[in-house]
PDB file of all heavy atoms in Angstrom:
ATOM      1  N   PRO A   1      93.850  97.794  61.018  1.00  0.00           N
ATOM      2  CA  PRO A   1      93.521  99.092  61.618  1.00  0.00           C
ATOM      3  C   PRO A   1      93.229  98.937  63.110  1.00  0.00           C
ATOM      4  O   PRO A   1      92.659  97.932  63.544  1.00  0.00           O
ATOM      5  CB  PRO A   1      92.277  99.524  60.828  1.00  0.00           C
ATOM      6  CG  PRO A   1      92.398  98.814  59.513  1.00  0.00           C
ATOM      7  CD  PRO A   1      93.007  97.487  59.853  1.00  0.00           C
ATOM      8  N   VAL A   2      93.608  99.939  63.893  1.00  0.00           N
ATOM      9  CA  VAL A   2      93.517  99.823  65.351  1.00  0.00           C
ATOM     10  C   VAL A   2      92.085  99.695  65.855  1.00  0.00           C
ATOM     11  O   VAL A   2      91.843  99.090  66.902  1.00  0.00           O
ATOM     12  CB  VAL A   2      94.219 101.014  66.039  1.00  0.00           C
ATOM     13  CG1 VAL A   2      95.708 100.990  65.769  1.00  0.00           C
ATOM     14  CG2 VAL A   2      93.619 102.352  65.588  1.00  0.00           C
ATOM     15  N   ASP A   3      91.118 100.255  65.130  1.00  0.00           N
ATOM     16  CA  ASP A   3      89.717 100.137  65.538  1.00  0.00           C
ATOM     17  C   ASP A   3      88.937  99.177  64.638  1.00  0.00           C
ATOM     18  O   ASP A   3      87.707  99.143  64.682  1.00  0.00           O
ATOM     19  CB  ASP A   3      89.038 101.518  65.511  1.00  0.00           C
ATOM     20  CG  ASP A   3      89.606 102.451  66.569  1.00  0.00           C
ATOM     21  OD1 ASP A   3      90.098 101.965  67.601  1.00  0.00           O
ATOM     22  OD2 ASP A   3      89.574 103.682  66.356  1.00  0.00           O
ATOM     23  N   GLY A   4      89.644  98.406  63.827  1.00  0.00           N
ATOM     24  CA  GLY A   4      88.990  97.467  62.930  1.00  0.00           C
ATOM     25  C   GLY A   4      88.898  96.082  63.537  1.00  0.00           C
ATOM     26  O   GLY A   4      89.439  95.809  64.613  1.00  0.00           O
ATOM     27  N   ASP A   5      88.235  95.171  62.843  1.00  0.00           N
ATOM     28  CA  ASP A   5      88.053  93.817  63.343  1.00  0.00           C
ATOM     29  C   ASP A   5      88.549  92.767  62.346  1.00  0.00           C
ATOM     30  O   ASP A   5      88.171  91.604  62.420  1.00  0.00           O
ATOM     31  CB  ASP A   5      86.585  93.558  63.680  1.00  0.00           C
ATOM     32  CG  ASP A   5      85.668  93.789  62.487  1.00  0.00           C
ATOM     33  OD1 ASP A   5      86.169  94.119  61.402  1.00  0.00           O
ATOM     34  OD2 ASP A   5      84.440  93.642  62.645  1.00  0.00           O
ATOM     35  N   ARG A   6      89.407  93.167  61.392  1.00  0.00           N
ATOM     36  CA  ARG A   6      89.907  92.217  60.410  1.00  0.00           C
ATOM     37  C   ARG A   6      91.283  92.651  59.907  1.00  0.00           C
ATOM     38  O   ARG A   6      91.679  93.813  60.057  1.00  0.00           O
ATOM     39  CB  ARG A   6      88.954  92.111  59.222  1.00  0.00           C
ATOM     40  CG  ARG A   6      88.686  93.427  58.517  1.00  0.00           C
ATOM     41  CD  ARG A   6      88.025  93.248  57.154  1.00  0.00           C
ATOM     42  NE  ARG A   6      88.932  92.697  56.158  1.00  0.00           N
ATOM     43  CZ  ARG A   6      88.722  92.778  54.837  1.00  0.00           C
ATOM     44  NH1 ARG A   6      87.619  93.337  54.380  1.00  0.00           N
ATOM     45  NH2 ARG A   6      89.591  92.274  53.990  1.00  0.00           N
ATOM     46  N   ASP A   7      91.992  91.682  59.351  1.00  0.00           N
ATOM     47  CA  ASP A   7      93.274  91.954  58.710  1.00  0.00           C
ATOM     48  C   ASP A   7      93.055  92.194  57.222  1.00  0.00           C
ATOM     49  O   ASP A   7      92.208  91.543  56.594  1.00  0.00           O
ATOM     50  CB  ASP A   7      94.225  90.774  58.883  1.00  0.00           C
ATOM     51  CG  ASP A   7      94.695  90.602  60.310  1.00  0.00           C
ATOM     52  OD1 ASP A   7      94.637  91.582  61.075  1.00  0.00           O
ATOM     53  OD2 ASP A   7      95.115  89.485  60.662  1.00  0.00           O
ATOM     54  N   PHE A   8      93.836  93.104  56.651  1.00  0.00           N
ATOM     55  CA  PHE A   8      93.812  93.356  55.219  1.00  0.00           C
ATOM     56  C   PHE A   8      95.131  92.823  54.646  1.00  0.00           C
ATOM     57  O   PHE A   8      96.207  93.297  55.002  1.00  0.00           O
ATOM     58  CB  PHE A   8      93.657  94.850  54.933  1.00  0.00           C
ATOM     59  CG  PHE A   8      92.305  95.380  55.316  1.00  0.00           C
ATOM     60  CD1 PHE A   8      92.048  95.762  56.628  1.00  0.00           C
ATOM     61  CD2 PHE A   8      91.284  95.478  54.385  1.00  0.00           C
ATOM     62  CE1 PHE A   8      90.793  96.245  56.998  1.00  0.00           C
ATOM     63  CE2 PHE A   8      90.033  95.955  54.737  1.00  0.00           C
ATOM     64  CZ  PHE A   8      89.785  96.338  56.051  1.00  0.00           C
ATOM     65  N   ILE A   9      95.036  91.822  53.792  1.00  0.00           N
ATOM     66  CA  ILE A   9      96.208  91.185  53.214  1.00  0.00           C
ATOM     67  C   ILE A   9      96.514  91.850  51.880  1.00  0.00           C
ATOM     68  O   ILE A   9      95.702  91.818  50.947  1.00  0.00           O
ATOM     69  CB  ILE A   9      95.985  89.677  53.044  1.00  0.00           C
ATOM     70  CG1 ILE A   9      95.726  89.040  54.417  1.00  0.00           C
ATOM     71  CG2 ILE A   9      97.199  89.026  52.381  1.00  0.00           C
ATOM     72  CD1 ILE A   9      95.385  87.566  54.362  1.00  0.00           C
ATOM     73  N   LEU A  10      97.682  92.474  51.795  1.00  0.00           N
ATOM     74  CA  LEU A  10      98.083  93.255  50.623  1.00  0.00           C
ATOM     75  C   LEU A  10      99.268  92.563  49.969  1.00  0.00           C
ATOM     76  O   LEU A  10     100.355  92.502  50.538  1.00  0.00           O
ATOM     77  CB  LEU A  10      98.460  94.676  51.045  1.00  0.00           C
ATOM     78  CG  LEU A  10      97.418  95.415  51.905  1.00  0.00           C
ATOM     79  CD1 LEU A  10      97.992  96.721  52.426  1.00  0.00           C
ATOM     80  CD2 LEU A  10      96.139  95.656  51.123  1.00  0.00           C
ATOM     81  N   THR A  11      99.048  92.026  48.775  1.00  0.00           N
ATOM     82  CA  THR A  11     100.072  91.262  48.075  1.00  0.00           C
ATOM     83  C   THR A  11     100.581  92.036  46.866  1.00  0.00           C
ATOM     84  O   THR A  11      99.814  92.647  46.131  1.00  0.00           O
ATOM     85  CB  THR A  11      99.517  89.899  47.634  1.00  0.00           C
ATOM     86  OG1 THR A  11      99.079  89.184  48.800  1.00  0.00           O
ATOM     87  CG2 THR A  11     100.583  89.070  46.932  1.00  0.00           C
ATOM     88  N   GLU A  12     101.874  92.010  46.689  1.00  0.00           N
ATOM     89  CA  GLU A  12     102.548  92.775  45.630  1.00  0.00           C
ATOM     90  C   GLU A  12     101.910  92.576  44.245  1.00  0.00           C
ATOM     91  O   GLU A  12     101.404  91.497  43.955  1.00  0.00           O
ATOM     92  CB  GLU A  12     104.003  92.338  45.540  1.00  0.00           C
ATOM     93  CG  GLU A  12     104.114  90.850  45.182  1.00  0.00           C
ATOM     94  CD  GLU A  12     105.486  90.462  44.684  1.00  0.00           C
ATOM     95  OE1 GLU A  12     106.008  91.099  43.756  1.00  0.00           O
ATOM     96  OE2 GLU A  12     106.022  89.503  45.243  1.00  0.00           O
ATOM     97  N   PRO A  13     102.031  93.572  43.369  1.00  0.00           N
ATOM     98  CA  PRO A  13     102.275  94.987  43.688  1.00  0.00           C
ATOM     99  C   PRO A  13     100.955  95.635  44.058  1.00  0.00           C
ATOM    100  O   PRO A  13      99.950  95.429  43.380  1.00  0.00           O
ATOM    101  CB  PRO A  13     102.819  95.539  42.369  1.00  0.00           C
ATOM    102  CG  PRO A  13     102.123  94.720  41.320  1.00  0.00           C
ATOM    103  CD  PRO A  13     101.906  93.349  41.919  1.00  0.00           C
ATOM    104  N   VAL A  14     100.949  96.398  45.128  1.00  0.00           N
ATOM    105  CA  VAL A  14      99.697  96.992  45.573  1.00  0.00           C
ATOM    106  C   VAL A  14      99.987  98.265  46.365  1.00  0.00           C
ATOM    107  O   VAL A  14     101.045  98.405  46.978  1.00  0.00           O
ATOM    108  CB  VAL A  14      98.894  95.993  46.442  1.00  0.00           C
ATOM    109  CG1 VAL A  14      99.620  95.723  47.750  1.00  0.00           C
ATOM    110  CG2 VAL A  14      97.470  96.471  46.705  1.00  0.00           C
ATOM    111  N   TYR A  15      99.037  99.194  46.315  1.00  0.00           N
ATOM    112  CA  TYR A  15      99.077 100.402  47.140  1.00  0.00           C
ATOM    113  C   TYR A  15      97.754 100.484  47.881  1.00  0.00           C
ATOM    114  O   TYR A  15      96.685 100.237  47.309  1.00  0.00           O
ATOM    115  CB  TYR A  15      99.264 101.648  46.283  1.00  0.00           C
ATOM    116  CG  TYR A  15      99.037 102.935  47.048  1.00  0.00           C
ATOM    117  CD1 TYR A  15     100.009 103.426  47.912  1.00  0.00           C
ATOM    118  CD2 TYR A  15      97.846 103.638  46.911  1.00  0.00           C
ATOM    119  CE1 TYR A  15      99.795 104.595  48.627  1.00  0.00           C
ATOM    120  CE2 TYR A  15      97.629 104.813  47.614  1.00  0.00           C
ATOM    121  CZ  TYR A  15      98.601 105.291  48.471  1.00  0.00           C
ATOM    122  OH  TYR A  15      98.388 106.443  49.178  1.00  0.00           O
ATOM    123  N   ALA A  16      97.809 100.813  49.184  1.00  0.00           N
ATOM    124  CA  ALA A  16      96.588 100.927  49.976  1.00  0.00           C
ATOM    125  C   ALA A  16      96.705 102.083  50.957  1.00  0.00           C
ATOM    126  O   ALA A  16      97.814 102.457  51.367  1.00  0.00           O
ATOM    127  CB  ALA A  16      96.310  99.625  50.731  1.00  0.00           C
ATOM    128  N   GLU A  17      95.557 102.615  51.328  1.00  0.00           N
ATOM    129  CA  GLU A  17      95.466 103.662  52.342  1.00  0.00           C
ATOM    130  C   GLU A  17      94.604 103.146  53.486  1.00  0.00           C
ATOM    131  O   GLU A  17      93.483 102.683  53.261  1.00  0.00           O
ATOM    132  CB  GLU A  17      94.867 104.934  51.741  1.00  0.00           C
ATOM    133  CG  GLU A  17      95.735 105.527  50.640  1.00  0.00           C
ATOM    134  CD  GLU A  17      95.134 106.786  50.018  1.00  0.00           C
ATOM    135  OE1 GLU A  17      93.951 107.066  50.294  1.00  0.00           O
ATOM    136  OE2 GLU A  17      95.854 107.459  49.263  1.00  0.00           O
ATOM    137  N   CYS A  18      95.157 103.219  54.710  1.00  0.00           N
ATOM    138  CA  CYS A  18      94.458 102.712  55.894  1.00  0.00           C
ATOM    139  C   CYS A  18      94.134 103.854  56.851  1.00  0.00           C
ATOM    140  O   CYS A  18      94.986 104.722  57.103  1.00  0.00           O
ATOM    141  CB  CYS A  18      95.308 101.677  56.624  1.00  0.00           C
ATOM    142  SG  CYS A  18      95.737 100.220  55.649  1.00  0.00           S
ATOM    143  N   ASP A  19      92.910 103.842  57.386  1.00  0.00           N
ATOM    144  CA  ASP A  19      92.574 104.713  58.501  1.00  0.00           C
ATOM    145  C   ASP A  19      92.357 103.819  59.722  1.00  0.00           C
ATOM    146  O   ASP A  19      92.796 102.669  59.738  1.00  0.00           O
ATOM    147  CB  ASP A  19      91.363 105.599  58.183  1.00  0.00           C
ATOM    148  CG  ASP A  19      90.127 104.797  57.802  1.00  0.00           C
ATOM    149  OD1 ASP A  19      89.993 103.631  58.252  1.00  0.00           O
ATOM    150  OD2 ASP A  19      89.272 105.329  57.065  1.00  0.00           O
ATOM    151  N   ARG A  20      91.689 104.313  60.746  1.00  0.00           N
ATOM    152  CA  ARG A  20      91.576 103.561  61.987  1.00  0.00           C
ATOM    153  C   ARG A  20      90.627 102.369  61.895  1.00  0.00           C
ATOM    154  O   ARG A  20      90.609 101.508  62.784  1.00  0.00           O
ATOM    155  CB  ARG A  20      91.129 104.487  63.127  1.00  0.00           C
ATOM    156  CG  ARG A  20      92.125 105.594  63.443  1.00  0.00           C
ATOM    157  CD  ARG A  20      91.642 106.430  64.623  1.00  0.00           C
ATOM    158  NE  ARG A  20      91.682 105.673  65.866  1.00  0.00           N
ATOM    159  CZ  ARG A  20      92.733 105.609  66.676  1.00  0.00           C
ATOM    160  NH1 ARG A  20      93.859 106.243  66.368  1.00  0.00           N
ATOM    161  NH2 ARG A  20      92.672 104.898  67.796  1.00  0.00           N
ATOM    162  N   THR A  21      89.828 102.281  60.832  1.00  0.00           N
ATOM    163  CA  THR A  21      88.844 101.201  60.740  1.00  0.00           C
ATOM    164  C   THR A  21      88.992 100.309  59.520  1.00  0.00           C
ATOM    165  O   THR A  21      88.554  99.160  59.539  1.00  0.00           O
ATOM    166  CB  THR A  21      87.406 101.771  60.746  1.00  0.00           C
ATOM    167  OG1 THR A  21      87.258 102.660  59.630  1.00  0.00           O
ATOM    168  CG2 THR A  21      87.126 102.517  62.044  1.00  0.00           C
ATOM    169  N   THR A  22      89.603 100.797  58.431  1.00  0.00           N
ATOM    170  CA  THR A  22      89.642 100.002  57.210  1.00  0.00           C
ATOM    171  C   THR A  22      90.835 100.377  56.337  1.00  0.00           C
ATOM    172  O   THR A  22      91.488 101.405  56.576  1.00  0.00           O
ATOM    173  CB  THR A  22      88.331 100.189  56.410  1.00  0.00           C
ATOM    174  OG1 THR A  22      88.277  99.220  55.357  1.00  0.00           O
ATOM    175  CG2 THR A  22      88.244 101.591  55.827  1.00  0.00           C
ATOM    176  N   CYS A  23      91.110  99.541  55.337  1.00  0.00           N
ATOM    177  CA  CYS A  23      92.135  99.808  54.333  1.00  0.00           C
ATOM    178  C   CYS A  23      91.504  99.705  52.952  1.00  0.00           C
ATOM    179  O   CYS A  23      90.660  98.838  52.716  1.00  0.00           O
ATOM    180  CB  CYS A  23      93.282  98.804  54.429  1.00  0.00           C
ATOM    181  SG  CYS A  23      94.237  98.875  55.965  1.00  0.00           S
ATOM    182  N   ARG A  24      91.920 100.593  52.050  1.00  0.00           N
ATOM    183  CA  ARG A  24      91.374 100.594  50.696  1.00  0.00           C
ATOM    184  C   ARG A  24      92.523 100.572  49.698  1.00  0.00           C
ATOM    185  O   ARG A  24      93.434 101.397  49.777  1.00  0.00           O
ATOM    186  CB  ARG A  24      90.536 101.848  50.438  1.00  0.00           C
ATOM    187  CG  ARG A  24      89.437 102.110  51.452  1.00  0.00           C
ATOM    188  CD  ARG A  24      88.796 103.478  51.215  1.00  0.00           C
ATOM    189  NE  ARG A  24      88.013 103.915  52.343  1.00  0.00           N
ATOM    190  CZ  ARG A  24      88.507 104.477  53.434  1.00  0.00           C
ATOM    191  NH1 ARG A  24      89.820 104.676  53.524  1.00  0.00           N
ATOM    192  NH2 ARG A  24      87.725 104.842  54.421  1.00  0.00           N
ATOM    193  N   GLU A  25      92.460  99.646  48.747  1.00  0.00           N
ATOM    194  CA  GLU A  25      93.422  99.631  47.659  1.00  0.00           C
ATOM    195  C   GLU A  25      93.014 100.667  46.625  1.00  0.00           C
ATOM    196  O   GLU A  25      91.832 100.801  46.300  1.00  0.00           O
ATOM    197  CB  GLU A  25      93.479  98.240  47.021  1.00  0.00           C
ATOM    198  CG  GLU A  25      94.007  97.173  47.973  1.00  0.00           C
ATOM    199  CD  GLU A  25      94.153  95.824  47.294  1.00  0.00           C
ATOM    200  OE1 GLU A  25      94.311  95.807  46.049  1.00  0.00           O
ATOM    201  OE2 GLU A  25      94.097  94.798  48.000  1.00  0.00           O
ATOM    202  N   THR A  26      93.990 101.421  46.125  1.00  0.00           N
ATOM    203  CA  THR A  26      93.683 102.476  45.171  1.00  0.00           C
ATOM    204  C   THR A  26      94.900 102.717  44.276  1.00  0.00           C
ATOM    205  O   THR A  26      95.922 102.044  44.399  1.00  0.00           O
ATOM    206  CB  THR A  26      93.265 103.766  45.906  1.00  0.00           C
ATOM    207  OG1 THR A  26      92.880 104.753  44.959  1.00  0.00           O
ATOM    208  CG2 THR A  26      94.398 104.295  46.774  1.00  0.00           C
ATOM    209  N   TRP A  27      94.787 103.682  43.377  1.00  0.00           N
ATOM    210  CA  TRP A  27      95.860 103.981  42.445  1.00  0.00           C
ATOM    211  C   TRP A  27      97.042 104.588  43.193  1.00  0.00           C
ATOM    212  O   TRP A  27      96.872 105.511  43.983  1.00  0.00           O
ATOM    213  CB  TRP A  27      95.364 104.940  41.364  1.00  0.00           C
ATOM    214  CG  TRP A  27      96.373 105.162  40.271  1.00  0.00           C
ATOM    215  CD1 TRP A  27      97.198 106.240  40.118  1.00  0.00           C
ATOM    216  CD2 TRP A  27      96.674 104.278  39.198  1.00  0.00           C
ATOM    217  NE1 TRP A  27      98.004 106.087  39.023  1.00  0.00           N
ATOM    218  CE2 TRP A  27      97.704 104.882  38.426  1.00  0.00           C
ATOM    219  CE3 TRP A  27      96.196 103.037  38.801  1.00  0.00           C
ATOM    220  CZ2 TRP A  27      98.252 104.283  37.288  1.00  0.00           C
ATOM    221  CZ3 TRP A  27      96.734 102.441  37.667  1.00  0.00           C
ATOM    222  CH2 TRP A  27      97.744 103.060  36.921  1.00  0.00           C
ATOM    223  N   PRO A  28      98.263 104.083  42.952  1.00  0.00           N
ATOM    224  CA  PRO A  28      99.410 104.552  43.756  1.00  0.00           C
ATOM    225  C   PRO A  28      99.910 105.928  43.348  1.00  0.00           C
ATOM    226  O   PRO A  28     100.135 106.186  42.164  1.00  0.00           O
ATOM    227  CB  PRO A  28     100.479 103.489  43.479  1.00  0.00           C
ATOM    228  CG  PRO A  28     100.130 102.936  42.138  1.00  0.00           C
ATOM    229  CD  PRO A  28      98.630 102.982  42.055  1.00  0.00           C
ATOM    230  N   PRO A  29     100.118 106.806  44.317  1.00  0.00           N
ATOM    231  CA  PRO A  29     100.795 108.091  44.050  1.00  0.00           C
ATOM    232  C   PRO A  29     102.300 107.860  44.010  1.00  0.00           C
ATOM    233  O   PRO A  29     102.775 106.752  44.277  1.00  0.00           O
ATOM    234  CB  PRO A  29     100.392 108.936  45.259  1.00  0.00           C
ATOM    235  CG  PRO A  29     100.264 107.932  46.360  1.00  0.00           C
ATOM    236  CD  PRO A  29      99.725 106.674  45.723  1.00  0.00           C
ATOM    237  N   PRO A  30     103.092 108.870  43.674  1.00  0.00           N
ATOM    238  CA  PRO A  30     104.557 108.720  43.712  1.00  0.00           C
ATOM    239  C   PRO A  30     105.038 108.345  45.109  1.00  0.00           C
ATOM    240  O   PRO A  30     104.459 108.774  46.111  1.00  0.00           O
ATOM    241  CB  PRO A  30     105.064 110.106  43.302  1.00  0.00           C
ATOM    242  CG  PRO A  30     103.933 110.728  42.556  1.00  0.00           C
ATOM    243  CD  PRO A  30     102.685 110.199  43.196  1.00  0.00           C
ATOM    244  N   LYS A  31     106.082 107.560  45.167  1.00  0.00           N
ATOM    245  CA  LYS A  31     106.642 107.166  46.454  1.00  0.00           C
ATOM    246  C   LYS A  31     107.393 108.338  47.086  1.00  0.00           C
ATOM    247  O   LYS A  31     107.773 109.282  46.396  1.00  0.00           O
ATOM    248  CB  LYS A  31     107.574 105.966  46.266  1.00  0.00           C
ATOM    249  CG  LYS A  31     106.823 104.698  45.895  1.00  0.00           C
ATOM    250  CD  LYS A  31     107.775 103.562  45.613  1.00  0.00           C
ATOM    251  CE  LYS A  31     106.979 102.329  45.189  1.00  0.00           C
ATOM    252  NZ  LYS A  31     107.871 101.243  44.732  1.00  0.00           N
ATOM    253  N   PRO A  32     107.597 108.282  48.392  1.00  0.00           N
ATOM    254  CA  PRO A  32     108.292 109.387  49.077  1.00  0.00           C
ATOM    255  C   PRO A  32     109.686 109.625  48.506  1.00  0.00           C
ATOM    256  O   PRO A  32     110.359 108.702  48.033  1.00  0.00           O
ATOM    257  CB  PRO A  32     108.362 108.898  50.525  1.00  0.00           C
ATOM    258  CG  PRO A  32     107.224 107.939  50.658  1.00  0.00           C
ATOM    259  CD  PRO A  32     107.121 107.254  49.335  1.00  0.00           C
ATOM    260  N   ILE A  33     110.112 110.874  48.552  1.00  0.00           N
ATOM    261  CA  ILE A  33     111.445 111.268  48.091  1.00  0.00           C
ATOM    262  C   ILE A  33     112.460 111.029  49.207  1.00  0.00           C
ATOM    263  O   ILE A  33     112.205 111.349  50.371  1.00  0.00           O
ATOM    264  CB  ILE A  33     111.457 112.745  47.670  1.00  0.00           C
ATOM    265  CG1 ILE A  33     110.555 112.947  46.447  1.00  0.00           C
ATOM    266  CG2 ILE A  33     112.874 113.224  47.371  1.00  0.00           C
ATOM    267  CD1 ILE A  33     110.375 114.404  46.063  1.00  0.00           C
ATOM    268  N   VAL A  34     113.616 110.471  48.862  1.00  0.00           N
ATOM    269  CA  VAL A  34     114.694 110.279  49.835  1.00  0.00           C
ATOM    270  C   VAL A  34     115.980 110.877  49.269  1.00  0.00           C
ATOM    271  O   VAL A  34     116.105 111.101  48.069  1.00  0.00           O
ATOM    272  CB  VAL A  34     114.899 108.791  50.172  1.00  0.00           C
ATOM    273  CG1 VAL A  34     113.687 108.243  50.901  1.00  0.00           C
ATOM    274  CG2 VAL A  34     115.184 107.977  48.913  1.00  0.00           C
ATOM    275  N   PHE A  35     116.921 111.157  50.160  1.00  0.00           N
ATOM    276  CA  PHE A  35     118.201 111.780  49.820  1.00  0.00           C
ATOM    277  C   PHE A  35     118.001 113.028  48.942  1.00  0.00           C
ATOM    278  O   PHE A  35     118.541 113.134  47.843  1.00  0.00           O
ATOM    279  CB  PHE A  35     119.128 110.787  49.109  1.00  0.00           C
ATOM    280  CG  PHE A  35     119.566 109.657  49.995  1.00  0.00           C
ATOM    281  CD1 PHE A  35     119.022 108.393  49.848  1.00  0.00           C
ATOM    282  CD2 PHE A  35     120.526 109.866  50.986  1.00  0.00           C
ATOM    283  CE1 PHE A  35     119.416 107.345  50.673  1.00  0.00           C
ATOM    284  CE2 PHE A  35     120.926 108.819  51.810  1.00  0.00           C
ATOM    285  CZ  PHE A  35     120.368 107.557  51.653  1.00  0.00           C
ATOM    286  N   PRO A  36     117.200 113.991  49.426  1.00  0.00           N
ATOM    287  CA  PRO A  36     117.011 115.223  48.647  1.00  0.00           C
ATOM    288  C   PRO A  36     118.310 116.021  48.568  1.00  0.00           C
ATOM    289  O   PRO A  36     119.182 115.915  49.437  1.00  0.00           O
ATOM    290  CB  PRO A  36     115.949 115.988  49.452  1.00  0.00           C
ATOM    291  CG  PRO A  36     116.151 115.518  50.857  1.00  0.00           C
ATOM    292  CD  PRO A  36     116.528 114.061  50.740  1.00  0.00           C
ATOM    293  N   ARG A  37     118.434 116.809  47.532  1.00  0.00           N
ATOM    294  CA  ARG A  37     119.624 117.650  47.382  1.00  0.00           C
ATOM    295  C   ARG A  37     119.629 118.708  48.475  1.00  0.00           C
ATOM    296  O   ARG A  37     118.656 119.429  48.672  1.00  0.00           O
ATOM    297  CB  ARG A  37     119.621 118.319  46.007  1.00  0.00           C
ATOM    298  CG  ARG A  37     120.817 119.231  45.771  1.00  0.00           C
ATOM    299  CD  ARG A  37     120.773 119.865  44.405  1.00  0.00           C
ATOM    300  NE  ARG A  37     121.871 120.805  44.212  1.00  0.00           N
ATOM    301  CZ  ARG A  37     121.852 122.071  44.625  1.00  0.00           C
ATOM    302  NH1 ARG A  37     120.773 122.551  45.228  1.00  0.00           N
ATOM    303  NH2 ARG A  37     122.890 122.860  44.434  1.00  0.00           N
TER     304      ARG A  37
END
């Protein structure tokens, strides 16, 4: 994070949400949709 002081190492399979100070691992939502009709 740009205002944080550490790296967050995320190893497969994992989902995380990062703000300007920290990252949190949590339950994954659906992935983004691509090639919509």
